[in-house]
Amino acid sequence: TTTKAAKDAGLRVDVEAPTPECPSITMALENYLKHLNE
């Protein structure tokens, strides 16, 4: 619902959680920042 609200507001969503790989927001953040560093 948060993702939908962001997109409806015209925002670009760069990271969504939970996912099977990242069930928590902190795991999603860590994964995204690690990917940026790489």
PDB file of all heavy atoms in Angstrom:
ATOM      1  N   THR A   1       0.832  -1.210   0.000  1.00  0.00           N
ATOM      2  CA  THR A   1       0.000   0.000   0.000  1.00  0.00           C
ATOM      3  C   THR A   1       0.868   1.261   0.000  1.00  0.00           C
ATOM      4  O   THR A   1       0.505   2.266  -0.618  1.00  0.00           O
ATOM      5  CB  THR A   1      -0.955   0.027   1.205  1.00  0.00           C
ATOM      6  OG1 THR A   1      -0.195  -0.070   2.416  1.00  0.00           O
ATOM      7  CG2 THR A   1      -1.943  -1.132   1.144  1.00  0.00           C
ATOM      8  N   THR A   2       2.011   1.189   0.693  1.00  0.00           N
ATOM      9  CA  THR A   2       2.932   2.331   0.695  1.00  0.00           C
ATOM     10  C   THR A   2       3.548   2.512  -0.685  1.00  0.00           C
ATOM     11  O   THR A   2       3.674   3.641  -1.190  1.00  0.00           O
ATOM     12  CB  THR A   2       4.040   2.128   1.743  1.00  0.00           C
ATOM     13  OG1 THR A   2       3.454   1.801   2.993  1.00  0.00           O
ATOM     14  CG2 THR A   2       4.881   3.374   1.906  1.00  0.00           C
ATOM     15  N   THR A   3       3.921   1.404  -1.310  1.00  0.00           N
ATOM     16  CA  THR A   3       4.494   1.463  -2.662  1.00  0.00           C
ATOM     17  C   THR A   3       3.497   2.067  -3.642  1.00  0.00           C
ATOM     18  O   THR A   3       3.844   2.938  -4.454  1.00  0.00           O
ATOM     19  CB  THR A   3       4.900   0.053  -3.128  1.00  0.00           C
ATOM     20  OG1 THR A   3       5.862  -0.480  -2.213  1.00  0.00           O
ATOM     21  CG2 THR A   3       5.498   0.081  -4.521  1.00  0.00           C
ATOM     22  N   LYS A   4       2.246   1.636  -3.562  1.00  0.00           N
ATOM     23  CA  LYS A   4       1.210   2.155  -4.459  1.00  0.00           C
ATOM     24  C   LYS A   4       1.010   3.655  -4.240  1.00  0.00           C
ATOM     25  O   LYS A   4       0.897   4.424  -5.197  1.00  0.00           O
ATOM     26  CB  LYS A   4      -0.106   1.416  -4.243  1.00  0.00           C
ATOM     27  CG  LYS A   4      -1.236   1.863  -5.182  1.00  0.00           C
ATOM     28  CD  LYS A   4      -2.507   1.075  -4.943  1.00  0.00           C
ATOM     29  CE  LYS A   4      -3.594   1.443  -5.944  1.00  0.00           C
ATOM     30  NZ  LYS A   4      -3.938   2.883  -5.921  1.00  0.00           N
ATOM     31  N   ALA A   5       0.982   4.066  -2.965  1.00  0.00           N
ATOM     32  CA  ALA A   5       0.779   5.485  -2.657  1.00  0.00           C
ATOM     33  C   ALA A   5       1.916   6.329  -3.235  1.00  0.00           C
ATOM     34  O   ALA A   5       1.685   7.421  -3.759  1.00  0.00           O
ATOM     35  CB  ALA A   5       0.677   5.685  -1.152  1.00  0.00           C
ATOM     36  N   ALA A   6       3.146   5.806  -3.144  1.00  0.00           N
ATOM     37  CA  ALA A   6       4.297   6.539  -3.676  1.00  0.00           C
ATOM     38  C   ALA A   6       4.192   6.679  -5.194  1.00  0.00           C
ATOM     39  O   ALA A   6       4.404   7.767  -5.750  1.00  0.00           O
ATOM     40  CB  ALA A   6       5.589   5.826  -3.286  1.00  0.00           C
ATOM     41  N   LYS A   7       3.867   5.597  -5.865  1.00  0.00           N
ATOM     42  CA  LYS A   7       3.761   5.632  -7.324  1.00  0.00           C
ATOM     43  C   LYS A   7       2.591   6.504  -7.770  1.00  0.00           C
ATOM     44  O   LYS A   7       2.693   7.247  -8.756  1.00  0.00           O
ATOM     45  CB  LYS A   7       3.631   4.210  -7.865  1.00  0.00           C
ATOM     46  CG  LYS A   7       4.914   3.395  -7.691  1.00  0.00           C
ATOM     47  CD  LYS A   7       4.763   1.970  -8.217  1.00  0.00           C
ATOM     48  CE  LYS A   7       6.075   1.208  -8.084  1.00  0.00           C
ATOM     49  NZ  LYS A   7       5.958  -0.199  -8.548  1.00  0.00           N
ATOM     50  N   ASP A   8       1.483   6.429  -7.028  1.00  0.00           N
ATOM     51  CA  ASP A   8       0.331   7.273  -7.356  1.00  0.00           C
ATOM     52  C   ASP A   8       0.668   8.756  -7.199  1.00  0.00           C
ATOM     53  O   ASP A   8       0.069   9.614  -7.855  1.00  0.00           O
ATOM     54  CB  ASP A   8      -0.862   6.925  -6.460  1.00  0.00           C
ATOM     55  CG  ASP A   8      -1.500   5.587  -6.825  1.00  0.00           C
ATOM     56  OD1 ASP A   8      -1.157   5.036  -7.888  1.00  0.00           O
ATOM     57  OD2 ASP A   8      -2.317   5.094  -6.018  1.00  0.00           O
ATOM     58  N   ALA A   9       1.628   9.050  -6.295  1.00  0.00           N
ATOM     59  CA  ALA A   9       2.046  10.430  -6.073  1.00  0.00           C
ATOM     60  C   ALA A   9       3.101  10.879  -7.077  1.00  0.00           C
ATOM     61  O   ALA A   9       3.615  11.998  -6.987  1.00  0.00           O
ATOM     62  CB  ALA A   9       2.583  10.589  -4.654  1.00  0.00           C
ATOM     63  N   GLY A  10       3.406   9.994  -8.020  1.00  0.00           N
ATOM     64  CA  GLY A  10       4.366  10.343  -9.068  1.00  0.00           C
ATOM     65  C   GLY A  10       5.811  10.155  -8.686  1.00  0.00           C
ATOM     66  O   GLY A  10       6.718  10.687  -9.335  1.00  0.00           O
ATOM     67  N   LEU A  11       6.057   9.377  -7.613  1.00  0.00           N
ATOM     68  CA  LEU A  11       7.420   9.149  -7.161  1.00  0.00           C
ATOM     69  C   LEU A  11       8.000   7.878  -7.788  1.00  0.00           C
ATOM     70  O   LEU A  11       7.263   6.932  -8.091  1.00  0.00           O
ATOM     71  CB  LEU A  11       7.459   9.029  -5.637  1.00  0.00           C
ATOM     72  CG  LEU A  11       6.988  10.262  -4.852  1.00  0.00           C
ATOM     73  CD1 LEU A  11       6.910   9.952  -3.374  1.00  0.00           C
ATOM     74  CD2 LEU A  11       7.898  11.456  -5.108  1.00  0.00           C
ATOM     75  N   ARG A  12       9.284   7.862  -7.964  1.00  0.00           N
ATOM     76  CA  ARG A  12       9.993   6.670  -8.438  1.00  0.00           C
ATOM     77  C   ARG A  12      10.405   5.853  -7.212  1.00  0.00           C
ATOM     78  O   ARG A  12      11.109   6.343  -6.341  1.00  0.00           O
ATOM     79  CB  ARG A  12      11.251   7.089  -9.219  1.00  0.00           C
ATOM     80  CG  ARG A  12      12.066   5.916  -9.786  1.00  0.00           C
ATOM     81  CD  ARG A  12      13.417   6.374 -10.305  1.00  0.00           C
ATOM     82  NE  ARG A  12      14.310   6.800  -9.226  1.00  0.00           N
ATOM     83  CZ  ARG A  12      14.655   8.046  -8.968  1.00  0.00           C
ATOM     84  NH1 ARG A  12      14.174   9.054  -9.680  1.00  0.00           N
ATOM     85  NH2 ARG A  12      15.472   8.344  -7.949  1.00  0.00           N
ATOM     86  N   VAL A  13       9.953   4.616  -7.148  1.00  0.00           N
ATOM     87  CA  VAL A  13      10.305   3.745  -6.018  1.00  0.00           C
ATOM     88  C   VAL A  13      11.547   2.942  -6.398  1.00  0.00           C
ATOM     89  O   VAL A  13      11.526   2.142  -7.329  1.00  0.00           O
ATOM     90  CB  VAL A  13       9.138   2.816  -5.636  1.00  0.00           C
ATOM     91  CG1 VAL A  13       9.554   1.865  -4.516  1.00  0.00           C
ATOM     92  CG2 VAL A  13       7.920   3.640  -5.212  1.00  0.00           C
ATOM     93  N   ASP A  14      12.629   3.161  -5.654  1.00  0.00           N
ATOM     94  CA  ASP A  14      13.900   2.495  -5.962  1.00  0.00           C
ATOM     95  C   ASP A  14      14.076   1.179  -5.220  1.00  0.00           C
ATOM     96  O   ASP A  14      14.759   0.280  -5.697  1.00  0.00           O
ATOM     97  CB  ASP A  14      15.064   3.431  -5.618  1.00  0.00           C
ATOM     98  CG  ASP A  14      15.013   4.720  -6.421  1.00  0.00           C
ATOM     99  OD1 ASP A  14      15.478   4.716  -7.574  1.00  0.00           O
ATOM    100  OD2 ASP A  14      14.478   5.717  -5.902  1.00  0.00           O
ATOM    101  N   VAL A  15      13.476   1.071  -4.027  1.00  0.00           N
ATOM    102  CA  VAL A  15      13.609  -0.133  -3.212  1.00  0.00           C
ATOM    103  C   VAL A  15      12.253  -0.456  -2.611  1.00  0.00           C
ATOM    104  O   VAL A  15      11.614   0.415  -2.018  1.00  0.00           O
ATOM    105  CB  VAL A  15      14.638   0.046  -2.080  1.00  0.00           C
ATOM    106  CG1 VAL A  15      14.837  -1.272  -1.327  1.00  0.00           C
ATOM    107  CG2 VAL A  15      15.973   0.550  -2.618  1.00  0.00           C
ATOM    108  N   GLU A  16      11.822  -1.715  -2.765  1.00  0.00           N
ATOM    109  CA  GLU A  16      10.572  -2.181  -2.160  1.00  0.00           C
ATOM    110  C   GLU A  16      10.862  -3.316  -1.189  1.00  0.00           C
ATOM    111  O   GLU A  16      11.710  -4.171  -1.439  1.00  0.00           O
ATOM    112  CB  GLU A  16       9.598  -2.689  -3.230  1.00  0.00           C
ATOM    113  CG  GLU A  16       9.121  -1.635  -4.208  1.00  0.00           C
ATOM    114  CD  GLU A  16       8.158  -2.204  -5.236  1.00  0.00           C
ATOM    115  OE1 GLU A  16       7.317  -3.057  -4.852  1.00  0.00           O
ATOM    116  OE2 GLU A  16       8.244  -1.808  -6.415  1.00  0.00           O
ATOM    117  N   ALA A  17      10.160  -3.337  -0.087  1.00  0.00           N
ATOM    118  CA  ALA A  17      10.240  -4.423   0.887  1.00  0.00           C
ATOM    119  C   ALA A  17       8.830  -4.618   1.456  1.00  0.00           C
ATOM    120  O   ALA A  17       8.009  -3.701   1.400  1.00  0.00           O
ATOM    121  CB  ALA A  17      11.244  -4.080   1.991  1.00  0.00           C
ATOM    122  N   PRO A  18       8.518  -5.800   1.979  1.00  0.00           N
ATOM    123  CA  PRO A  18       9.383  -6.978   2.022  1.00  0.00           C
ATOM    124  C   PRO A  18       9.371  -7.751   0.706  1.00  0.00           C
ATOM    125  O   PRO A  18       8.420  -7.659  -0.065  1.00  0.00           O
ATOM    126  CB  PRO A  18       8.754  -7.803   3.141  1.00  0.00           C
ATOM    127  CG  PRO A  18       7.282  -7.460   3.076  1.00  0.00           C
ATOM    128  CD  PRO A  18       7.232  -6.005   2.669  1.00  0.00           C
ATOM    129  N   THR A  19      10.445  -8.498   0.492  1.00  0.00           N
ATOM    130  CA  THR A  19      10.538  -9.435  -0.620  1.00  0.00           C
ATOM    131  C   THR A  19      11.049 -10.756  -0.059  1.00  0.00           C
ATOM    132  O   THR A  19      11.557 -10.791   1.070  1.00  0.00           O
ATOM    133  CB  THR A  19      11.519  -8.927  -1.700  1.00  0.00           C
ATOM    134  OG1 THR A  19      12.845  -8.885  -1.132  1.00  0.00           O
ATOM    135  CG2 THR A  19      11.128  -7.546  -2.199  1.00  0.00           C
ATOM    136  N   PRO A  20      10.943 -11.854  -0.815  1.00  0.00           N
ATOM    137  CA  PRO A  20      11.481 -13.129  -0.316  1.00  0.00           C
ATOM    138  C   PRO A  20      12.963 -13.030   0.058  1.00  0.00           C
ATOM    139  O   PRO A  20      13.404 -13.636   1.039  1.00  0.00           O
ATOM    140  CB  PRO A  20      11.262 -14.087  -1.488  1.00  0.00           C
ATOM    141  CG  PRO A  20      10.090 -13.512  -2.220  1.00  0.00           C
ATOM    142  CD  PRO A  20      10.228 -12.026  -2.092  1.00  0.00           C
ATOM    143  N   GLU A  21      13.718 -12.244  -0.716  1.00  0.00           N
ATOM    144  CA  GLU A  21      15.149 -12.108  -0.446  1.00  0.00           C
ATOM    145  C   GLU A  21      15.417 -11.159   0.717  1.00  0.00           C
ATOM    146  O   GLU A  21      16.367 -11.341   1.477  1.00  0.00           O
ATOM    147  CB  GLU A  21      15.883 -11.591  -1.686  1.00  0.00           C
ATOM    148  CG  GLU A  21      15.793 -12.486  -2.909  1.00  0.00           C
ATOM    149  CD  GLU A  21      14.461 -12.333  -3.646  1.00  0.00           C
ATOM    150  OE1 GLU A  21      13.765 -11.317  -3.408  1.00  0.00           O
ATOM    151  OE2 GLU A  21      14.114 -13.232  -4.438  1.00  0.00           O
ATOM    152  N   CYS A  22      14.574 -10.139   0.856  1.00  0.00           N
ATOM    153  CA  CYS A  22      14.770  -9.114   1.887  1.00  0.00           C
ATOM    154  C   CYS A  22      13.460  -8.890   2.638  1.00  0.00           C
ATOM    155  O   CYS A  22      12.697  -7.966   2.323  1.00  0.00           O
ATOM    156  CB  CYS A  22      15.248  -7.808   1.258  1.00  0.00           C
ATOM    157  SG  CYS A  22      16.828  -7.932   0.398  1.00  0.00           S
ATOM    158  N   PRO A  23      13.168  -9.722   3.632  1.00  0.00           N
ATOM    159  CA  PRO A  23      11.892  -9.611   4.335  1.00  0.00           C
ATOM    160  C   PRO A  23      11.781  -8.390   5.254  1.00  0.00           C
ATOM    161  O   PRO A  23      10.687  -8.042   5.676  1.00  0.00           O
ATOM    162  CB  PRO A  23      11.831 -10.909   5.154  1.00  0.00           C
ATOM    163  CG  PRO A  23      13.252 -11.349   5.283  1.00  0.00           C
ATOM    164  CD  PRO A  23      13.959 -10.898   4.050  1.00  0.00           C
ATOM    165  N   SER A  24      12.906  -7.739   5.553  1.00  0.00           N
ATOM    166  CA  SER A  24      12.862  -6.558   6.425  1.00  0.00           C
ATOM    167  C   SER A  24      13.383  -5.334   5.677  1.00  0.00           C
ATOM    168  O   SER A  24      14.109  -5.457   4.684  1.00  0.00           O
ATOM    169  CB  SER A  24      13.703  -6.778   7.686  1.00  0.00           C
ATOM    170  OG  SER A  24      15.086  -6.790   7.357  1.00  0.00           O
ATOM    171  N   ILE A  25      13.044  -4.162   6.182  1.00  0.00           N
ATOM    172  CA  ILE A  25      13.499  -2.922   5.539  1.00  0.00           C
ATOM    173  C   ILE A  25      15.001  -2.768   5.670  1.00  0.00           C
ATOM    174  O   ILE A  25      15.675  -2.267   4.758  1.00  0.00           O
ATOM    175  CB  ILE A  25      12.748  -1.703   6.128  1.00  0.00           C
ATOM    176  CG1 ILE A  25      12.793  -0.522   5.148  1.00  0.00           C
ATOM    177  CG2 ILE A  25      13.296  -1.307   7.473  1.00  0.00           C
ATOM    178  CD1 ILE A  25      11.889  -0.635   3.980  1.00  0.00           C
ATOM    179  N   THR A  26      15.569  -3.200   6.804  1.00  0.00           N
ATOM    180  CA  THR A  26      17.019  -3.053   6.984  1.00  0.00           C
ATOM    181  C   THR A  26      17.783  -3.975   6.037  1.00  0.00           C
ATOM    182  O   THR A  26      18.834  -3.597   5.511  1.00  0.00           O
ATOM    183  CB  THR A  26      17.425  -3.330   8.443  1.00  0.00           C
ATOM    184  OG1 THR A  26      16.844  -4.567   8.883  1.00  0.00           O
ATOM    185  CG2 THR A  26      16.968  -2.207   9.351  1.00  0.00           C
ATOM    186  N   MET A  27      17.267  -5.165   5.804  1.00  0.00           N
ATOM    187  CA  MET A  27      17.905  -6.060   4.840  1.00  0.00           C
ATOM    188  C   MET A  27      17.838  -5.472   3.433  1.00  0.00           C
ATOM    189  O   MET A  27      18.805  -5.563   2.665  1.00  0.00           O
ATOM    190  CB  MET A  27      17.246  -7.442   4.884  1.00  0.00           C
ATOM    191  CG  MET A  27      17.542  -8.228   6.145  1.00  0.00           C
ATOM    192  SD  MET A  27      16.716  -9.845   6.167  1.00  0.00           S
ATOM    193  CE  MET A  27      17.599 -10.689   4.857  1.00  0.00           C
ATOM    194  N   ALA A  28      16.707  -4.853   3.101  1.00  0.00           N
ATOM    195  CA  ALA A  28      16.559  -4.236   1.783  1.00  0.00           C
ATOM    196  C   ALA A  28      17.527  -3.064   1.621  1.00  0.00           C
ATOM    197  O   ALA A  28      18.150  -2.896   0.557  1.00  0.00           O
ATOM    198  CB  ALA A  28      15.115  -3.770   1.585  1.00  0.00           C
ATOM    199  N   LEU A  29      17.684  -2.264   2.669  1.00  0.00           N
ATOM    200  CA  LEU A  29      18.629  -1.144   2.625  1.00  0.00           C
ATOM    201  C   LEU A  29      20.058  -1.636   2.456  1.00  0.00           C
ATOM    202  O   LEU A  29      20.815  -1.122   1.630  1.00  0.00           O
ATOM    203  CB  LEU A  29      18.527  -0.316   3.906  1.00  0.00           C
ATOM    204  CG  LEU A  29      17.331   0.623   4.059  1.00  0.00           C
ATOM    205  CD1 LEU A  29      17.371   1.287   5.432  1.00  0.00           C
ATOM    206  CD2 LEU A  29      17.331   1.676   2.973  1.00  0.00           C
ATOM    207  N   GLU A  30      20.425  -2.619   3.259  1.00  0.00           N
ATOM    208  CA  GLU A  30      21.781  -3.173   3.188  1.00  0.00           C
ATOM    209  C   GLU A  30      22.074  -3.717   1.793  1.00  0.00           C
ATOM    210  O   GLU A  30      23.139  -3.458   1.214  1.00  0.00           O
ATOM    211  CB  GLU A  30      21.932  -4.280   4.237  1.00  0.00           C
ATOM    212  CG  GLU A  30      23.181  -5.139   4.104  1.00  0.00           C
ATOM    213  CD  GLU A  30      24.479  -4.372   4.310  1.00  0.00           C
ATOM    214  OE1 GLU A  30      24.444  -3.317   4.967  1.00  0.00           O
ATOM    215  OE2 GLU A  30      25.520  -4.828   3.794  1.00  0.00           O
ATOM    216  N   ASN A  31      21.117  -4.427   1.230  1.00  0.00           N
ATOM    217  CA  ASN A  31      21.301  -5.016  -0.096  1.00  0.00           C
ATOM    218  C   ASN A  31      21.459  -3.925  -1.162  1.00  0.00           C
ATOM    219  O   ASN A  31      22.318  -4.024  -2.051  1.00  0.00           O
ATOM    220  CB  ASN A  31      20.098  -5.909  -0.420  1.00  0.00           C
ATOM    221  CG  ASN A  31      20.293  -6.697  -1.703  1.00  0.00           C
ATOM    222  OD1 ASN A  31      21.254  -7.456  -1.823  1.00  0.00           O
ATOM    223  ND2 ASN A  31      19.388  -6.541  -2.649  1.00  0.00           N
ATOM    224  N   TYR A  32      20.657  -2.870  -1.070  1.00  0.00           N
ATOM    225  CA  TYR A  32      20.707  -1.787  -2.052  1.00  0.00           C
ATOM    226  C   TYR A  32      22.030  -1.027  -1.959  1.00  0.00           C
ATOM    227  O   TYR A  32      22.674  -0.737  -2.985  1.00  0.00           O
ATOM    228  CB  TYR A  32      19.540  -0.836  -1.820  1.00  0.00           C
ATOM    229  CG  TYR A  32      19.457   0.306  -2.805  1.00  0.00           C
ATOM    230  CD1 TYR A  32      19.012   0.103  -4.115  1.00  0.00           C
ATOM    231  CD2 TYR A  32      19.809   1.600  -2.426  1.00  0.00           C
ATOM    232  CE1 TYR A  32      18.926   1.160  -5.016  1.00  0.00           C
ATOM    233  CE2 TYR A  32      19.736   2.658  -3.330  1.00  0.00           C
ATOM    234  CZ  TYR A  32      19.293   2.427  -4.618  1.00  0.00           C
ATOM    235  OH  TYR A  32      19.210   3.475  -5.503  1.00  0.00           O
ATOM    236  N   LEU A  33      22.458  -0.691  -0.745  1.00  0.00           N
ATOM    237  CA  LEU A  33      23.705   0.044  -0.563  1.00  0.00           C
ATOM    238  C   LEU A  33      24.923  -0.783  -0.980  1.00  0.00           C
ATOM    239  O   LEU A  33      25.870  -0.266  -1.564  1.00  0.00           O
ATOM    240  CB  LEU A  33      23.840   0.487   0.895  1.00  0.00           C
ATOM    241  CG  LEU A  33      22.798   1.502   1.373  1.00  0.00           C
ATOM    242  CD1 LEU A  33      22.906   1.723   2.881  1.00  0.00           C
ATOM    243  CD2 LEU A  33      22.954   2.826   0.632  1.00  0.00           C
ATOM    244  N   LYS A  34      24.858  -2.072  -0.712  1.00  0.00           N
ATOM    245  CA  LYS A  34      25.943  -2.969  -1.134  1.00  0.00           C
ATOM    246  C   LYS A  34      26.048  -2.993  -2.659  1.00  0.00           C
ATOM    247  O   LYS A  34      27.132  -2.930  -3.222  1.00  0.00           O
ATOM    248  CB  LYS A  34      25.685  -4.381  -0.602  1.00  0.00           C
ATOM    249  CG  LYS A  34      26.739  -5.410  -0.994  1.00  0.00           C
ATOM    250  CD  LYS A  34      26.380  -6.779  -0.458  1.00  0.00           C
ATOM    251  CE  LYS A  34      27.393  -7.827  -0.912  1.00  0.00           C
ATOM    252  NZ  LYS A  34      27.012  -9.192  -0.431  1.00  0.00           N
ATOM    253  N   HIS A  35      24.883  -3.058  -3.308  1.00  0.00           N
ATOM    254  CA  HIS A  35      24.852  -3.071  -4.770  1.00  0.00           C
ATOM    255  C   HIS A  35      25.405  -1.765  -5.345  1.00  0.00           C
ATOM    256  O   HIS A  35      26.152  -1.777  -6.337  1.00  0.00           O
ATOM    257  CB  HIS A  35      23.406  -3.298  -5.233  1.00  0.00           C
ATOM    258  CG  HIS A  35      23.266  -3.387  -6.737  1.00  0.00           C
ATOM    259  ND1 HIS A  35      23.810  -4.409  -7.481  1.00  0.00           N
ATOM    260  CD2 HIS A  35      22.642  -2.543  -7.623  1.00  0.00           C
ATOM    261  CE1 HIS A  35      23.525  -4.215  -8.755  1.00  0.00           C
ATOM    262  NE2 HIS A  35      22.817  -3.092  -8.862  1.00  0.00           N
ATOM    263  N   LEU A  36      25.082  -0.638  -4.718  1.00  0.00           N
ATOM    264  CA  LEU A  36      25.613   0.643  -5.180  1.00  0.00           C
ATOM    265  C   LEU A  36      27.124   0.697  -5.058  1.00  0.00           C
ATOM    266  O   LEU A  36      27.816   1.199  -5.963  1.00  0.00           O
ATOM    267  CB  LEU A  36      24.994   1.784  -4.353  1.00  0.00           C
ATOM    268  CG  LEU A  36      23.586   2.243  -4.678  1.00  0.00           C
ATOM    269  CD1 LEU A  36      23.211   3.443  -3.809  1.00  0.00           C
ATOM    270  CD2 LEU A  36      23.413   2.600  -6.152  1.00  0.00           C
ATOM    271  N   ASN A  37      27.635   0.184  -3.952  1.00  0.00           N
ATOM    272  CA  ASN A  37      29.095   0.189  -3.755  1.00  0.00           C
ATOM    273  C   ASN A  37      29.803  -0.663  -4.799  1.00  0.00           C
ATOM    274  O   ASN A  37      30.890  -0.319  -5.255  1.00  0.00           O
ATOM    275  CB  ASN A  37      29.436  -0.320  -2.353  1.00  0.00           C
ATOM    276  CG  ASN A  37      29.141   0.705  -1.279  1.00  0.00           C
ATOM    277  OD1 ASN A  37      28.898   1.868  -1.564  1.00  0.00           O
ATOM    278  ND2 ASN A  37      29.154   0.270  -0.021  1.00  0.00           N
ATOM    279  N   GLU A  38      29.181  -1.774  -5.165  1.00  0.00           N
ATOM    280  CA  GLU A  38      29.791  -2.666  -6.158  1.00  0.00           C
ATOM    281  C   GLU A  38      29.829  -2.012  -7.542  1.00  0.00           C
ATOM    282  O   GLU A  38      30.712  -2.291  -8.342  1.00  0.00           O
ATOM    283  CB  GLU A  38      29.006  -3.977  -6.214  1.00  0.00           C
ATOM    284  CG  GLU A  38      29.197  -4.846  -4.973  1.00  0.00           C
ATOM    285  CD  GLU A  38      28.296  -6.062  -4.961  1.00  0.00           C
ATOM    286  OE1 GLU A  38      27.379  -6.134  -5.831  1.00  0.00           O
ATOM    287  OE2 GLU A  38      28.474  -6.937  -4.105  1.00  0.00           O
TER     288      GLU A  38
END
